[in-house]
Amino acid sequence: MGDVVAESKVDFGALAALHKWPSLANQRRPDREPYQVNEGTLDECITAFMQKPAATRHLYEIRTAPQPPLVTAVLSPEHVIELSRWREFL
């Protein structure tokens, strides 16, 4: 993926929202819908996500307008962590 990142631009100023899944015993509740906990730019939502305890990050996702090939409409915790790393290099 490193080559793709070098050739791609990510708009970290794009509108985004951080969502949290309702949980039971630190596990996502598949019978419930995630709710919004933060709204702002992609950069702000990544920062808010990274401030969450690592043990609970799997309960969060970021929703934003897709920016192919690097940014999908719903960003998983693993994807957010990768974007956070790339952001530091850009």
C-alpha atoms as a PDB file:
ATOM      1  CA  MET A   1       0.000   0.000   0.000  1.00  0.00           C
ATOM      2  CA  GLY A   2       2.969   2.313   0.437  1.00  0.00           C
ATOM      3  CA  ASP A   3       3.121   3.122  -3.297  1.00  0.00           C
ATOM      4  CA  VAL A   4      -0.595   3.910  -3.388  1.00  0.00           C
ATOM      5  CA  VAL A   5      -0.190   6.329  -0.478  1.00  0.00           C
ATOM      6  CA  ALA A   6       2.675   8.147  -2.166  1.00  0.00           C
ATOM      7  CA  GLU A   7       0.599   8.685  -5.309  1.00  0.00           C
ATOM      8  CA  SER A   8      -2.698   9.484  -3.553  1.00  0.00           C
ATOM      9  CA  LYS A   9      -3.888  12.565  -1.766  1.00  0.00           C
ATOM     10  CA  VAL A  10      -6.250  12.343   1.178  1.00  0.00           C
ATOM     11  CA  ASP A  11      -8.382  15.362   2.033  1.00  0.00           C
ATOM     12  CA  PHE A  12      -8.121  15.368   5.822  1.00  0.00           C
ATOM     13  CA  GLY A  13     -10.332  18.493   5.802  1.00  0.00           C
ATOM     14  CA  ALA A  14     -13.305  16.504   4.435  1.00  0.00           C
ATOM     15  CA  LEU A  15     -16.411  16.330   6.617  1.00  0.00           C
ATOM     16  CA  ALA A  16     -16.564  13.202   8.768  1.00  0.00           C
ATOM     17  CA  ALA A  17     -18.299  11.788  11.824  1.00  0.00           C
ATOM     18  CA  LEU A  18     -17.015   9.460  14.536  1.00  0.00           C
ATOM     19  CA  HIS A  19     -19.541   6.776  15.492  1.00  0.00           C
ATOM     20  CA  LYS A  20     -19.564   4.370  18.430  1.00  0.00           C
ATOM     21  CA  TRP A  21     -21.254   1.004  18.497  1.00  0.00           C
ATOM     22  CA  PRO A  22     -23.355   0.224  21.566  1.00  0.00           C
ATOM     23  CA  SER A  23     -21.527  -2.482  23.487  1.00  0.00           C
ATOM     24  CA  LEU A  24     -21.975  -5.170  26.075  1.00  0.00           C
ATOM     25  CA  ALA A  25     -18.901  -6.550  27.837  1.00  0.00           C
ATOM     26  CA  ASN A  26     -16.701  -4.477  25.476  1.00  0.00           C
ATOM     27  CA  GLN A  27     -18.184  -6.210  22.404  1.00  0.00           C
ATOM     28  CA  ARG A  28     -20.203  -4.558  19.622  1.00  0.00           C
ATOM     29  CA  ARG A  29     -23.936  -5.149  19.847  1.00  0.00           C
ATOM     30  CA  PRO A  30     -24.898  -6.307  16.322  1.00  0.00           C
ATOM     31  CA  ASP A  31     -28.570  -5.754  17.144  1.00  0.00           C
ATOM     32  CA  ARG A  32     -28.000  -2.018  17.613  1.00  0.00           C
ATOM     33  CA  GLU A  33     -26.947   0.813  15.296  1.00  0.00           C
ATOM     34  CA  PRO A  34     -23.836   2.922  15.981  1.00  0.00           C
ATOM     35  CA  TYR A  35     -24.436   6.476  17.156  1.00  0.00           C
ATOM     36  CA  GLN A  36     -22.512   9.653  16.386  1.00  0.00           C
ATOM     37  CA  VAL A  37     -20.161  10.934  19.093  1.00  0.00           C
ATOM     38  CA  ASN A  38     -18.160  13.557  17.161  1.00  0.00           C
ATOM     39  CA  GLU A  39     -18.509  15.505  13.930  1.00  0.00           C
ATOM     40  CA  GLY A  40     -15.926  17.606  12.143  1.00  0.00           C
ATOM     41  CA  THR A  41     -13.148  17.092   9.652  1.00  0.00           C
ATOM     42  CA  LEU A  42     -11.588  13.728   8.891  1.00  0.00           C
ATOM     43  CA  ASP A  43      -8.472  14.987  10.683  1.00  0.00           C
ATOM     44  CA  GLU A  44     -10.473  15.915  13.817  1.00  0.00           C
ATOM     45  CA  CYS A  45     -12.283  12.575  13.825  1.00  0.00           C
ATOM     46  CA  ILE A  46      -9.005  10.640  13.462  1.00  0.00           C
ATOM     47  CA  THR A  47      -7.580  12.639  16.376  1.00  0.00           C
ATOM     48  CA  ALA A  48     -10.684  11.971  18.510  1.00  0.00           C
ATOM     49  CA  PHE A  49     -10.495   8.260  17.640  1.00  0.00           C
ATOM     50  CA  MET A  50      -6.798   8.033  18.531  1.00  0.00           C
ATOM     51  CA  GLN A  51      -7.527   9.635  21.930  1.00  0.00           C
ATOM     52  CA  LYS A  52      -9.843   6.733  22.817  1.00  0.00           C
ATOM     53  CA  PRO A  53      -8.316   3.944  24.926  1.00  0.00           C
ATOM     54  CA  ALA A  54      -6.776   1.312  22.648  1.00  0.00           C
ATOM     55  CA  ALA A  55      -8.899  -1.373  24.350  1.00  0.00           C
ATOM     56  CA  THR A  56     -12.130   0.304  23.182  1.00  0.00           C
ATOM     57  CA  ARG A  57     -11.177   1.507  19.682  1.00  0.00           C
ATOM     58  CA  HIS A  58     -12.804  -1.546  18.071  1.00  0.00           C
ATOM     59  CA  LEU A  59     -16.159  -0.022  19.086  1.00  0.00           C
ATOM     60  CA  TYR A  60     -15.634   3.046  16.870  1.00  0.00           C
ATOM     61  CA  GLU A  61     -15.735   3.824  13.156  1.00  0.00           C
ATOM     62  CA  ILE A  62     -15.479   6.985  11.070  1.00  0.00           C
ATOM     63  CA  ARG A  63     -17.978   7.783   8.331  1.00  0.00           C
ATOM     64  CA  THR A  64     -17.040  10.186   5.552  1.00  0.00           C
ATOM     65  CA  ALA A  65     -17.324  10.727   1.811  1.00  0.00           C
ATOM     66  CA  PRO A  66     -15.254   8.089  -0.019  1.00  0.00           C
ATOM     67  CA  GLN A  67     -11.893   9.175  -1.443  1.00  0.00           C
ATOM     68  CA  PRO A  68     -10.769   6.192  -3.550  1.00  0.00           C
ATOM     69  CA  PRO A  69      -8.536   4.305  -3.245  1.00  0.00           C
ATOM     70  CA  LEU A  70      -7.546   5.119   0.362  1.00  0.00           C
ATOM     71  CA  VAL A  71     -10.698   6.350   2.091  1.00  0.00           C
ATOM     72  CA  THR A  72     -13.912   4.344   2.166  1.00  0.00           C
ATOM     73  CA  ALA A  73     -17.325   5.583   3.340  1.00  0.00           C
ATOM     74  CA  VAL A  74     -16.993   3.693   6.635  1.00  0.00           C
ATOM     75  CA  LEU A  75     -13.499   3.455   8.095  1.00  0.00           C
ATOM     76  CA  SER A  76     -12.789   0.506  10.383  1.00  0.00           C
ATOM     77  CA  PRO A  77     -10.588   0.984  13.463  1.00  0.00           C
ATOM     78  CA  GLU A  78      -7.655  -0.631  11.632  1.00  0.00           C
ATOM     79  CA  HIS A  79      -8.138   1.698   8.674  1.00  0.00           C
ATOM     80  CA  VAL A  80      -8.277   4.763  10.949  1.00  0.00           C
ATOM     81  CA  ILE A  81      -5.004   3.733  12.611  1.00  0.00           C
ATOM     82  CA  GLU A  82      -3.363   3.376   9.176  1.00  0.00           C
ATOM     83  CA  LEU A  83      -4.658   6.801   8.077  1.00  0.00           C
ATOM     84  CA  SER A  84      -3.329   8.273  11.314  1.00  0.00           C
ATOM     85  CA  ARG A  85       0.130   6.905  10.512  1.00  0.00           C
ATOM     86  CA  TRP A  86      -0.013   8.226   6.914  1.00  0.00           C
ATOM     87  CA  ARG A  87      -1.178  11.622   8.135  1.00  0.00           C
ATOM     88  CA  GLU A  88       2.048  11.994  10.098  1.00  0.00           C
ATOM     89  CA  PHE A  89       4.093  11.533   6.910  1.00  0.00           C
ATOM     90  CA  LEU A  90       2.038  13.894   4.726  1.00  0.00           C
END
